[in-house]
Structures are given as C-alpha cells and as structure tokens.
C-alpha cells in the first residue's frame, strides 16, 4: 500500500486505503500512541535534536467503510466533519471537563 495517492476530482476512495497513509510513519511502518512517541524521540536523538516535520494527528480521519470523494472547491468554506452520536457526545463531555476534544 502506497502512502500517497493521486488526487483526481470526483474519484472515490475507501477510507481504509486513505487511513493507511495517514498513520504510516517516515519509515513506512504504522505507529500510534506510545510506539509513535518512542519512535519520534529516537529520530530526534539520531538527528542531533532536530524535530523532524510530521503531521500532528496520529488517528485516522474516517470511519471504516466510509467512501471519500476527492473534491475541488473554488471558494473558502468552513471545515465540516461527519461523526456518529457516540463520538459527538464524547466531544461535548470533554469540553465540560476542560479536556482536549480532539483527543476523543
């Protein structure tokens, strides 16, 4: 599985295929949570203390089975996200507890 894909307006992709690239680290191995943190620290040590660029999210963006369609927008728009009720409730609850809702 390649971690990159061609962007073709109107083309549909299964979420599982996109997610494989989103959680794949620089060496091609998927890492999340503690394993990702340990790997990032090792890379920082090996590079002489340089923080290498990476994408801050380690969690896939789409639920399994979601079909994602490439789109071109010609005007700025507000970002939208479709989530289920359980996830929405967890986010709202985290806000009440002054926690980071992005981590739920």
PDB file of N, CA and C in Angstrom:
ATOM      1  N   UNK A   1       0.849  -1.183   0.000  1.00  0.00           N
ATOM      2  CA  UNK A   1       0.000   0.000   0.000  1.00  0.00           C
ATOM      3  C   UNK A   1       0.881   1.227   0.000  1.00  0.00           C
ATOM      4  N   UNK A   2       0.682   2.093  -0.942  1.00  0.00           N
ATOM      5  CA  UNK A   2       1.420   3.352  -1.004  1.00  0.00           C
ATOM      6  C   UNK A   2       0.846   4.338   0.001  1.00  0.00           C
ATOM      7  N   UNK A   3       1.718   5.186   0.543  1.00  0.00           N
ATOM      8  CA  UNK A   3       1.242   6.191   1.486  1.00  0.00           C
ATOM      9  C   UNK A   3       0.799   7.447   0.763  1.00  0.00           C
ATOM     10  N   UNK A   4       0.912   7.460  -0.547  1.00  0.00           N
ATOM     11  CA  UNK A   4       0.468   8.612  -1.316  1.00  0.00           C
ATOM     12  C   UNK A   4      -0.569   8.151  -2.321  1.00  0.00           C
ATOM     13  N   UNK A   5      -1.402   9.080  -2.732  1.00  0.00           N
ATOM     14  CA  UNK A   5      -2.393   8.757  -3.753  1.00  0.00           C
ATOM     15  C   UNK A   5      -2.551   9.946  -4.668  1.00  0.00           C
ATOM     16  N   UNK A   6      -2.969   9.693  -5.868  1.00  0.00           N
ATOM     17  CA  UNK A   6      -3.224  10.777  -6.813  1.00  0.00           C
ATOM     18  C   UNK A   6      -4.557  11.415  -6.484  1.00  0.00           C
ATOM     19  N   UNK A   7      -4.599  12.738  -6.576  1.00  0.00           N
ATOM     20  CA  UNK A   7      -5.847  13.469  -6.367  1.00  0.00           C
ATOM     21  C   UNK A   7      -6.526  13.622  -7.716  1.00  0.00           C
ATOM     22  N   UNK A   8      -7.714  13.052  -7.848  1.00  0.00           N
ATOM     23  CA  UNK A   8      -8.493  13.135  -9.079  1.00  0.00           C
ATOM     24  C   UNK A   8      -9.900  13.572  -8.697  1.00  0.00           C
ATOM     25  N   UNK A   9     -10.303  14.808  -9.066  1.00  0.00           N
ATOM     26  CA  UNK A   9     -11.640  15.281  -8.695  1.00  0.00           C
ATOM     27  C   UNK A   9     -12.722  14.275  -9.086  1.00  0.00           C
ATOM     28  N   UNK A  10     -13.599  13.973  -8.140  1.00  0.00           N
ATOM     29  CA  UNK A  10     -14.695  13.047  -8.379  1.00  0.00           C
ATOM     30  C   UNK A  10     -14.360  11.590  -8.111  1.00  0.00           C
ATOM     31  N   UNK A  11     -13.081  11.276  -7.974  1.00  0.00           N
ATOM     32  CA  UNK A  11     -12.691   9.889  -7.726  1.00  0.00           C
ATOM     33  C   UNK A  11     -13.030   9.501  -6.289  1.00  0.00           C
ATOM     34  N   UNK A  12     -13.508   8.276  -6.119  1.00  0.00           N
ATOM     35  CA  UNK A  12     -13.871   7.788  -4.793  1.00  0.00           C
ATOM     36  C   UNK A  12     -12.804   6.833  -4.271  1.00  0.00           C
ATOM     37  N   UNK A  13     -12.568   6.909  -2.960  1.00  0.00           N
ATOM     38  CA  UNK A  13     -11.591   6.054  -2.294  1.00  0.00           C
ATOM     39  C   UNK A  13     -12.236   5.487  -1.038  1.00  0.00           C
ATOM     40  N   UNK A  14     -11.897   4.265  -0.704  1.00  0.00           N
ATOM     41  CA  UNK A  14     -12.353   3.713   0.574  1.00  0.00           C
ATOM     42  C   UNK A  14     -11.496   4.301   1.682  1.00  0.00           C
ATOM     43  N   UNK A  15     -12.128   4.619   2.789  1.00  0.00           N
ATOM     44  CA  UNK A  15     -11.428   5.247   3.911  1.00  0.00           C
ATOM     45  C   UNK A  15     -10.232   4.419   4.371  1.00  0.00           C
ATOM     46  N   UNK A  16     -10.357   3.102   4.358  1.00  0.00           N
ATOM     47  CA  UNK A  16      -9.269   2.247   4.823  1.00  0.00           C
ATOM     48  C   UNK A  16      -7.992   2.482   4.019  1.00  0.00           C
ATOM     49  N   UNK A  17      -8.128   2.751   2.723  1.00  0.00           N
ATOM     50  CA  UNK A  17      -6.956   2.979   1.884  1.00  0.00           C
ATOM     51  C   UNK A  17      -6.285   4.307   2.210  1.00  0.00           C
ATOM     52  N   UNK A  18      -7.078   5.327   2.484  1.00  0.00           N
ATOM     53  CA  UNK A  18      -6.517   6.634   2.827  1.00  0.00           C
ATOM     54  C   UNK A  18      -5.890   6.572   4.208  1.00  0.00           C
ATOM     55  N   UNK A  19      -6.559   5.915   5.137  1.00  0.00           N
ATOM     56  CA  UNK A  19      -6.077   5.865   6.511  1.00  0.00           C
ATOM     57  C   UNK A  19      -4.726   5.174   6.610  1.00  0.00           C
ATOM     58  N   UNK A  20      -4.463   4.221   5.753  1.00  0.00           N
ATOM     59  CA  UNK A  20      -3.173   3.533   5.798  1.00  0.00           C
ATOM     60  C   UNK A  20      -2.030   4.528   5.647  1.00  0.00           C
ATOM     61  N   UNK A  21      -2.207   5.529   4.821  1.00  0.00           N
ATOM     62  CA  UNK A  21      -1.189   6.556   4.643  1.00  0.00           C
ATOM     63  C   UNK A  21      -1.145   7.542   5.779  1.00  0.00           C
ATOM     64  N   UNK A  22      -2.262   7.778   6.428  1.00  0.00           N
ATOM     65  CA  UNK A  22      -2.310   8.775   7.496  1.00  0.00           C
ATOM     66  C   UNK A  22      -1.593   8.327   8.758  1.00  0.00           C
ATOM     67  N   UNK A  23      -1.518   7.042   9.007  1.00  0.00           N
ATOM     68  CA  UNK A  23      -0.871   6.564  10.228  1.00  0.00           C
ATOM     69  C   UNK A  23       0.472   5.899   9.946  1.00  0.00           C
ATOM     70  N   UNK A  24       0.972   6.038   8.718  1.00  0.00           N
ATOM     71  CA  UNK A  24       2.249   5.443   8.360  1.00  0.00           C
ATOM     72  C   UNK A  24       3.360   6.437   8.632  1.00  0.00           C
ATOM     73  N   UNK A  25       4.368   6.018   9.350  1.00  0.00           N
ATOM     74  CA  UNK A  25       5.462   6.908   9.718  1.00  0.00           C
ATOM     75  C   UNK A  25       6.482   7.010   8.587  1.00  0.00           C
ATOM     76  N   UNK A  26       7.542   7.777   8.837  1.00  0.00           N
ATOM     77  CA  UNK A  26       8.542   8.061   7.809  1.00  0.00           C
ATOM     78  C   UNK A  26       9.209   6.816   7.248  1.00  0.00           C
ATOM     79  N   UNK A  27       9.317   5.760   8.031  1.00  0.00           N
ATOM     80  CA  UNK A  27       9.967   4.543   7.545  1.00  0.00           C
ATOM     81  C   UNK A  27       8.973   3.545   6.959  1.00  0.00           C
ATOM     82  N   UNK A  28       7.721   3.950   6.832  1.00  0.00           N
ATOM     83  CA  UNK A  28       6.720   3.093   6.212  1.00  0.00           C
ATOM     84  C   UNK A  28       5.999   2.166   7.170  1.00  0.00           C
ATOM     85  N   UNK A  29       6.346   2.214   8.465  1.00  0.00           N
ATOM     86  CA  UNK A  29       5.675   1.366   9.449  1.00  0.00           C
ATOM     87  C   UNK A  29       4.606   2.161  10.183  1.00  0.00           C
ATOM     88  N   UNK A  30       3.420   1.594  10.357  1.00  0.00           N
ATOM     89  CA  UNK A  30       2.376   2.323  11.063  1.00  0.00           C
ATOM     90  C   UNK A  30       2.672   2.398  12.556  1.00  0.00           C
ATOM     91  N   UNK A  31       2.502   3.587  13.123  1.00  0.00           N
ATOM     92  CA  UNK A  31       2.736   3.767  14.551  1.00  0.00           C
ATOM     93  C   UNK A  31       1.706   4.716  15.127  1.00  0.00           C
ATOM     94  N   UNK A  32       1.209   4.374  16.303  1.00  0.00           N
ATOM     95  CA  UNK A  32       0.325   5.260  17.053  1.00  0.00           C
ATOM     96  C   UNK A  32       0.675   5.152  18.532  1.00  0.00           C
ATOM     97  N   UNK A  33       0.189   6.111  19.306  1.00  0.00           N
ATOM     98  CA  UNK A  33       0.313   6.113  20.760  1.00  0.00           C
ATOM     99  C   UNK A  33       1.768   6.046  21.221  1.00  0.00           C
ATOM    100  N   UNK A  34       2.054   5.216  22.230  1.00  0.00           N
ATOM    101  CA  UNK A  34       3.380   5.165  22.834  1.00  0.00           C
ATOM    102  C   UNK A  34       4.477   4.776  21.863  1.00  0.00           C
ATOM    103  N   UNK A  35       4.162   3.880  20.940  1.00  0.00           N
ATOM    104  CA  UNK A  35       5.158   3.461  19.957  1.00  0.00           C
ATOM    105  C   UNK A  35       5.562   4.631  19.063  1.00  0.00           C
ATOM    106  N   UNK A  36       4.600   5.469  18.694  1.00  0.00           N
ATOM    107  CA  UNK A  36       4.905   6.636  17.873  1.00  0.00           C
ATOM    108  C   UNK A  36       5.754   7.633  18.654  1.00  0.00           C
ATOM    109  N   UNK A  37       5.401   7.870  19.908  1.00  0.00           N
ATOM    110  CA  UNK A  37       6.166   8.800  20.741  1.00  0.00           C
ATOM    111  C   UNK A  37       7.610   8.325  20.888  1.00  0.00           C
ATOM    112  N   UNK A  38       7.798   7.045  21.167  1.00  0.00           N
ATOM    113  CA  UNK A  38       9.148   6.493  21.310  1.00  0.00           C
ATOM    114  C   UNK A  38       9.932   6.618  20.010  1.00  0.00           C
ATOM    115  N   UNK A  39       9.284   6.348  18.880  1.00  0.00           N
ATOM    116  CA  UNK A  39       9.949   6.446  17.591  1.00  0.00           C
ATOM    117  C   UNK A  39      10.342   7.892  17.289  1.00  0.00           C
ATOM    118  N   UNK A  40       9.466   8.837  17.589  1.00  0.00           N
ATOM    119  CA  UNK A  40       9.780  10.251  17.355  1.00  0.00           C
ATOM    120  C   UNK A  40      10.968  10.700  18.201  1.00  0.00           C
ATOM    121  N   UNK A  41      11.034  10.246  19.456  1.00  0.00           N
ATOM    122  CA  UNK A  41      12.165  10.596  20.321  1.00  0.00           C
ATOM    123  C   UNK A  41      13.472  10.009  19.785  1.00  0.00           C
ATOM    124  N   UNK A  42      13.418   8.774  19.306  1.00  0.00           N
ATOM    125  CA  UNK A  42      14.602   8.141  18.738  1.00  0.00           C
ATOM    126  C   UNK A  42      15.085   8.905  17.508  1.00  0.00           C
ATOM    127  N   UNK A  43      14.162   9.276  16.627  1.00  0.00           N
ATOM    128  CA  UNK A  43      14.538  10.036  15.437  1.00  0.00           C
ATOM    129  C   UNK A  43      15.136  11.389  15.805  1.00  0.00           C
ATOM    130  N   UNK A  44      14.599  12.012  16.837  1.00  0.00           N
ATOM    131  CA  UNK A  44      15.128  13.300  17.285  1.00  0.00           C
ATOM    132  C   UNK A  44      16.560  13.141  17.798  1.00  0.00           C
ATOM    133  N   UNK A  45      16.808  12.084  18.567  1.00  0.00           N
ATOM    134  CA  UNK A  45      18.163  11.827  19.066  1.00  0.00           C
ATOM    135  C   UNK A  45      19.129  11.565  17.915  1.00  0.00           C
ATOM    136  N   UNK A  46      18.696  10.764  16.956  1.00  0.00           N
ATOM    137  CA  UNK A  46      19.564  10.402  15.839  1.00  0.00           C
ATOM    138  C   UNK A  46      19.851  11.581  14.916  1.00  0.00           C
ATOM    139  N   UNK A  47      18.978  12.579  14.932  1.00  0.00           N
ATOM    140  CA  UNK A  47      19.173  13.740  14.053  1.00  0.00           C
ATOM    141  C   UNK A  47      19.824  14.910  14.784  1.00  0.00           C
ATOM    142  N   UNK A  48      20.367  14.658  15.960  1.00  0.00           N
ATOM    143  CA  UNK A  48      21.046  15.711  16.694  1.00  0.00           C
ATOM    144  C   UNK A  48      20.112  16.710  17.337  1.00  0.00           C
ATOM    145  N   UNK A  49      18.933  16.272  17.712  1.00  0.00           N
ATOM    146  CA  UNK A  49      17.992  17.146  18.407  1.00  0.00           C
ATOM    147  C   UNK A  49      17.035  17.898  17.507  1.00  0.00           C
ATOM    148  N   UNK A  50      17.062  17.615  16.217  1.00  0.00           N
ATOM    149  CA  UNK A  50      16.167  18.295  15.272  1.00  0.00           C
ATOM    150  C   UNK A  50      14.797  17.620  15.308  1.00  0.00           C
ATOM    151  N   UNK A  51      13.761  18.426  15.473  1.00  0.00           N
ATOM    152  CA  UNK A  51      12.401  17.894  15.382  1.00  0.00           C
ATOM    153  C   UNK A  51      12.028  17.775  13.914  1.00  0.00           C
ATOM    154  N   UNK A  52      11.919  16.561  13.429  1.00  0.00           N
ATOM    155  CA  UNK A  52      11.555  16.363  12.032  1.00  0.00           C
ATOM    156  C   UNK A  52      10.078  16.665  11.837  1.00  0.00           C
ATOM    157  N   UNK A  53       9.716  17.203  10.674  1.00  0.00           N
ATOM    158  CA  UNK A  53       8.307  17.537  10.457  1.00  0.00           C
ATOM    159  C   UNK A  53       7.445  16.280  10.352  1.00  0.00           C
ATOM    160  N   UNK A  54       6.278  16.346  10.921  1.00  0.00           N
ATOM    161  CA  UNK A  54       5.294  15.282  10.767  1.00  0.00           C
ATOM    162  C   UNK A  54       3.926  15.868  11.030  1.00  0.00           C
ATOM    163  N   UNK A  55       2.906  15.127  10.675  1.00  0.00           N
ATOM    164  CA  UNK A  55       1.546  15.592  10.853  1.00  0.00           C
ATOM    165  C   UNK A  55       1.113  15.274  12.268  1.00  0.00           C
ATOM    166  N   UNK A  56       0.566  16.256  12.944  1.00  0.00           N
ATOM    167  CA  UNK A  56       0.245  16.134  14.354  1.00  0.00           C
ATOM    168  C   UNK A  56      -0.812  15.107  14.695  1.00  0.00           C
ATOM    169  N   UNK A  57      -1.662  14.770  13.781  1.00  0.00           N
ATOM    170  CA  UNK A  57      -2.695  13.791  14.098  1.00  0.00           C
ATOM    171  C   UNK A  57      -2.171  12.389  13.848  1.00  0.00           C
ATOM    172  N   UNK A  58      -2.407  11.516  14.782  1.00  0.00           N
ATOM    173  CA  UNK A  58      -1.991  10.128  14.593  1.00  0.00           C
ATOM    174  C   UNK A  58      -3.197   9.223  14.410  1.00  0.00           C
ATOM    175  N   UNK A  59      -4.365   9.795  14.362  1.00  0.00           N
ATOM    176  CA  UNK A  59      -5.571   8.993  14.250  1.00  0.00           C
ATOM    177  C   UNK A  59      -6.181   9.137  12.862  1.00  0.00           C
ATOM    178  N   UNK A  60      -6.654   8.047  12.313  1.00  0.00           N
ATOM    179  CA  UNK A  60      -7.310   8.114  11.016  1.00  0.00           C
ATOM    180  C   UNK A  60      -8.525   9.028  11.050  1.00  0.00           C
ATOM    181  N   UNK A  61      -8.802   9.632   9.927  1.00  0.00           N
ATOM    182  CA  UNK A  61      -9.868  10.626   9.865  1.00  0.00           C
ATOM    183  C   UNK A  61     -11.251  10.039   9.594  1.00  0.00           C
ATOM    184  N   UNK A  62     -11.330   8.888   8.960  1.00  0.00           N
ATOM    185  CA  UNK A  62     -12.636   8.379   8.560  1.00  0.00           C
ATOM    186  C   UNK A  62     -12.931   7.024   9.174  1.00  0.00           C
ATOM    187  N   UNK A  63     -14.206   6.813   9.435  1.00  0.00           N
ATOM    188  CA  UNK A  63     -14.678   5.542   9.975  1.00  0.00           C
ATOM    189  C   UNK A  63     -14.562   4.460   8.902  1.00  0.00           C
ATOM    190  N   UNK A  64     -14.261   3.236   9.324  1.00  0.00           N
ATOM    191  CA  UNK A  64     -14.166   2.107   8.395  1.00  0.00           C
ATOM    192  C   UNK A  64     -15.409   2.038   7.513  1.00  0.00           C
ATOM    193  N   UNK A  65     -15.211   1.787   6.234  1.00  0.00           N
ATOM    194  CA  UNK A  65     -16.319   1.651   5.308  1.00  0.00           C
ATOM    195  C   UNK A  65     -16.782   2.950   4.678  1.00  0.00           C
ATOM    196  N   UNK A  66     -16.245   4.084   5.115  1.00  0.00           N
ATOM    197  CA  UNK A  66     -16.630   5.374   4.546  1.00  0.00           C
ATOM    198  C   UNK A  66     -16.057   5.500   3.140  1.00  0.00           C
ATOM    199  N   UNK A  67     -16.843   6.047   2.228  1.00  0.00           N
ATOM    200  CA  UNK A  67     -16.354   6.336   0.882  1.00  0.00           C
ATOM    201  C   UNK A  67     -16.037   7.820   0.821  1.00  0.00           C
ATOM    202  N   UNK A  68     -14.797   8.142   0.461  1.00  0.00           N
ATOM    203  CA  UNK A  68     -14.321   9.521   0.410  1.00  0.00           C
ATOM    204  C   UNK A  68     -14.194   9.926  -1.050  1.00  0.00           C
ATOM    205  N   UNK A  69     -14.766  11.085  -1.395  1.00  0.00           N
ATOM    206  CA  UNK A  69     -14.723  11.586  -2.767  1.00  0.00           C
ATOM    207  C   UNK A  69     -13.821  12.805  -2.844  1.00  0.00           C
ATOM    208  N   UNK A  70     -12.841  12.777  -3.762  1.00  0.00           N
ATOM    209  CA  UNK A  70     -11.989  13.942  -3.981  1.00  0.00           C
ATOM    210  C   UNK A  70     -12.831  15.072  -4.553  1.00  0.00           C
ATOM    211  N   UNK A  71     -12.680  16.272  -3.994  1.00  0.00           N
ATOM    212  CA  UNK A  71     -13.438  17.428  -4.471  1.00  0.00           C
ATOM    213  C   UNK A  71     -12.519  18.624  -4.618  1.00  0.00           C
ATOM    214  N   UNK A  72     -12.859  19.491  -5.552  1.00  0.00           N
ATOM    215  CA  UNK A  72     -12.161  20.760  -5.724  1.00  0.00           C
ATOM    216  C   UNK A  72     -13.129  21.855  -5.312  1.00  0.00           C
ATOM    217  N   UNK A  73     -12.701  22.722  -4.405  1.00  0.00           N
ATOM    218  CA  UNK A  73     -13.536  23.854  -4.011  1.00  0.00           C
ATOM    219  C   UNK A  73     -12.886  25.121  -4.543  1.00  0.00           C
ATOM    220  N   UNK A  74     -13.704  26.033  -5.041  1.00  0.00           N
ATOM    221  CA  UNK A  74     -13.148  27.270  -5.598  1.00  0.00           C
ATOM    222  C   UNK A  74     -13.400  28.475  -4.702  1.00  0.00           C
ATOM    223  N   UNK A  75     -14.034  28.239  -3.565  1.00  0.00           N
ATOM    224  CA  UNK A  75     -14.269  29.285  -2.577  1.00  0.00           C
ATOM    225  C   UNK A  75     -13.925  28.726  -1.197  1.00  0.00           C
ATOM    226  N   UNK A  76     -13.391  29.577  -0.313  1.00  0.00           N
ATOM    227  CA  UNK A  76     -13.130  29.085   1.045  1.00  0.00           C
ATOM    228  C   UNK A  76     -14.428  28.608   1.692  1.00  0.00           C
ATOM    229  N   UNK A  77     -14.329  27.587   2.517  1.00  0.00           N
ATOM    230  CA  UNK A  77     -15.510  27.111   3.222  1.00  0.00           C
ATOM    231  C   UNK A  77     -15.116  26.603   4.598  1.00  0.00           C
ATOM    232  N   UNK A  78     -16.078  26.564   5.471  1.00  0.00           N
ATOM    233  CA  UNK A  78     -15.851  26.067   6.818  1.00  0.00           C
ATOM    234  C   UNK A  78     -15.646  24.562   6.769  1.00  0.00           C
ATOM    235  N   UNK A  79     -14.655  24.093   7.507  1.00  0.00           N
ATOM    236  CA  UNK A  79     -14.412  22.662   7.553  1.00  0.00           C
ATOM    237  C   UNK A  79     -15.604  21.951   8.185  1.00  0.00           C
ATOM    238  N   UNK A  80     -15.966  20.822   7.648  1.00  0.00           N
ATOM    239  CA  UNK A  80     -17.053  20.022   8.207  1.00  0.00           C
ATOM    240  C   UNK A  80     -16.554  18.608   8.474  1.00  0.00           C
ATOM    241  N   UNK A  81     -17.220  17.939   9.381  1.00  0.00           N
ATOM    242  CA  UNK A  81     -16.856  16.575   9.713  1.00  0.00           C
ATOM    243  C   UNK A  81     -18.132  15.826  10.084  1.00  0.00           C
ATOM    244  N   UNK A  82     -18.250  14.616   9.601  1.00  0.00           N
ATOM    245  CA  UNK A  82     -19.397  13.785   9.941  1.00  0.00           C
ATOM    246  C   UNK A  82     -18.943  12.773  10.990  1.00  0.00           C
ATOM    247  N   UNK A  83     -19.626  12.788  12.136  1.00  0.00           N
ATOM    248  CA  UNK A  83     -19.293  11.859  13.216  1.00  0.00           C
ATOM    249  C   UNK A  83     -20.577  11.219  13.730  1.00  0.00           C
ATOM    250  N   UNK A  84     -20.420  10.111  14.425  1.00  0.00           N
ATOM    251  CA  UNK A  84     -21.613   9.462  14.983  1.00  0.00           C
ATOM    252  C   UNK A  84     -21.962  10.085  16.338  1.00  0.00           C
ATOM    253  N   UNK A  85     -23.124   9.739  16.852  1.00  0.00           N
ATOM    254  CA  UNK A  85     -23.629  10.344  18.090  1.00  0.00           C
ATOM    255  C   UNK A  85     -22.718  10.054  19.282  1.00  0.00           C
ATOM    256  N   UNK A  86     -22.182   8.830  19.349  1.00  0.00           N
ATOM    257  CA  UNK A  86     -21.297   8.473  20.456  1.00  0.00           C
ATOM    258  C   UNK A  86     -20.075   9.383  20.492  1.00  0.00           C
ATOM    259  N   UNK A  87     -19.473   9.630  19.340  1.00  0.00           N
ATOM    260  CA  UNK A  87     -18.289  10.494  19.266  1.00  0.00           C
ATOM    261  C   UNK A  87     -18.654  11.938  19.611  1.00  0.00           C
ATOM    262  N   UNK A  88     -19.798  12.392  19.109  1.00  0.00           N
ATOM    263  CA  UNK A  88     -20.253  13.756  19.399  1.00  0.00           C
ATOM    264  C   UNK A  88     -20.444  13.952  20.906  1.00  0.00           C
ATOM    265  N   UNK A  89     -21.095  12.981  21.548  1.00  0.00           N
ATOM    266  CA  UNK A  89     -21.316  13.072  22.995  1.00  0.00           C
ATOM    267  C   UNK A  89     -19.991  13.098  23.758  1.00  0.00           C
ATOM    268  N   UNK A  90     -19.018  12.299  23.324  1.00  0.00           N
ATOM    269  CA  UNK A  90     -17.705  12.279  23.983  1.00  0.00           C
ATOM    270  C   UNK A  90     -17.002  13.628  23.847  1.00  0.00           C
ATOM    271  N   UNK A  91     -17.114  14.249  22.690  1.00  0.00           N
ATOM    272  CA  UNK A  91     -16.501  15.566  22.476  1.00  0.00           C
ATOM    273  C   UNK A  91     -17.154  16.605  23.375  1.00  0.00           C
ATOM    274  N   UNK A  92     -18.478  16.629  23.411  1.00  0.00           N
ATOM    275  CA  UNK A  92     -19.186  17.610  24.245  1.00  0.00           C
ATOM    276  C   UNK A  92     -18.858  17.398  25.725  1.00  0.00           C
ATOM    277  N   UNK A  93     -18.773  16.136  26.157  1.00  0.00           N
ATOM    278  CA  UNK A  93     -18.444  15.837  27.545  1.00  0.00           C
ATOM    279  C   UNK A  93     -17.023  16.301  27.874  1.00  0.00           C
ATOM    280  N   UNK A  94     -16.092  16.110  26.938  1.00  0.00           N
ATOM    281  CA  UNK A  94     -14.706  16.526  27.182  1.00  0.00           C
ATOM    282  C   UNK A  94     -14.606  18.038  27.334  1.00  0.00           C
ATOM    283  N   UNK A  95     -15.419  18.776  26.607  1.00  0.00           N
ATOM    284  CA  UNK A  95     -15.413  20.236  26.733  1.00  0.00           C
ATOM    285  C   UNK A  95     -15.879  20.659  28.125  1.00  0.00           C
ATOM    286  N   UNK A  96     -16.865  19.964  28.673  1.00  0.00           N
ATOM    287  CA  UNK A  96     -17.344  20.270  30.022  1.00  0.00           C
ATOM    288  C   UNK A  96     -16.259  20.022  31.071  1.00  0.00           C
ATOM    289  N   UNK A  97     -15.405  19.040  30.815  1.00  0.00           N
ATOM    290  CA  UNK A  97     -14.330  18.691  31.751  1.00  0.00           C
ATOM    291  C   UNK A  97     -13.043  19.461  31.444  1.00  0.00           C
ATOM    292  N   UNK A  98     -13.108  20.410  30.500  1.00  0.00           N
ATOM    293  CA  UNK A  98     -11.947  21.207  30.086  1.00  0.00           C
ATOM    294  C   UNK A  98     -10.806  20.321  29.581  1.00  0.00           C
ATOM    295  N   UNK A  99     -11.176  19.296  28.814  1.00  0.00           N
ATOM    296  CA  UNK A  99     -10.193  18.415  28.188  1.00  0.00           C
ATOM    297  C   UNK A  99     -10.126  18.742  26.702  1.00  0.00           C
ATOM    298  N   UNK A 100      -9.106  18.245  26.042  1.00  0.00           N
ATOM    299  CA  UNK A 100      -8.946  18.487  24.615  1.00  0.00           C
ATOM    300  C   UNK A 100      -9.932  17.617  23.838  1.00  0.00           C
ATOM    301  N   UNK A 101     -10.940  18.214  23.195  1.00  0.00           N
ATOM    302  CA  UNK A 101     -11.927  17.400  22.476  1.00  0.00           C
ATOM    303  C   UNK A 101     -11.342  16.688  21.263  1.00  0.00           C
ATOM    304  N   UNK A 102     -10.196  17.141  20.772  1.00  0.00           N
ATOM    305  CA  UNK A 102      -9.591  16.494  19.607  1.00  0.00           C
ATOM    306  C   UNK A 102      -9.031  15.119  19.945  1.00  0.00           C
ATOM    307  N   UNK A 103      -8.887  14.824  21.216  1.00  0.00           N
ATOM    308  CA  UNK A 103      -8.311  13.537  21.601  1.00  0.00           C
ATOM    309  C   UNK A 103      -9.365  12.451  21.780  1.00  0.00           C
ATOM    310  N   UNK A 104     -10.621  12.761  21.485  1.00  0.00           N
ATOM    311  CA  UNK A 104     -11.687  11.772  21.640  1.00  0.00           C
ATOM    312  C   UNK A 104     -12.228  11.329  20.322  1.00  0.00           C
TER     313      UNK A 104
END
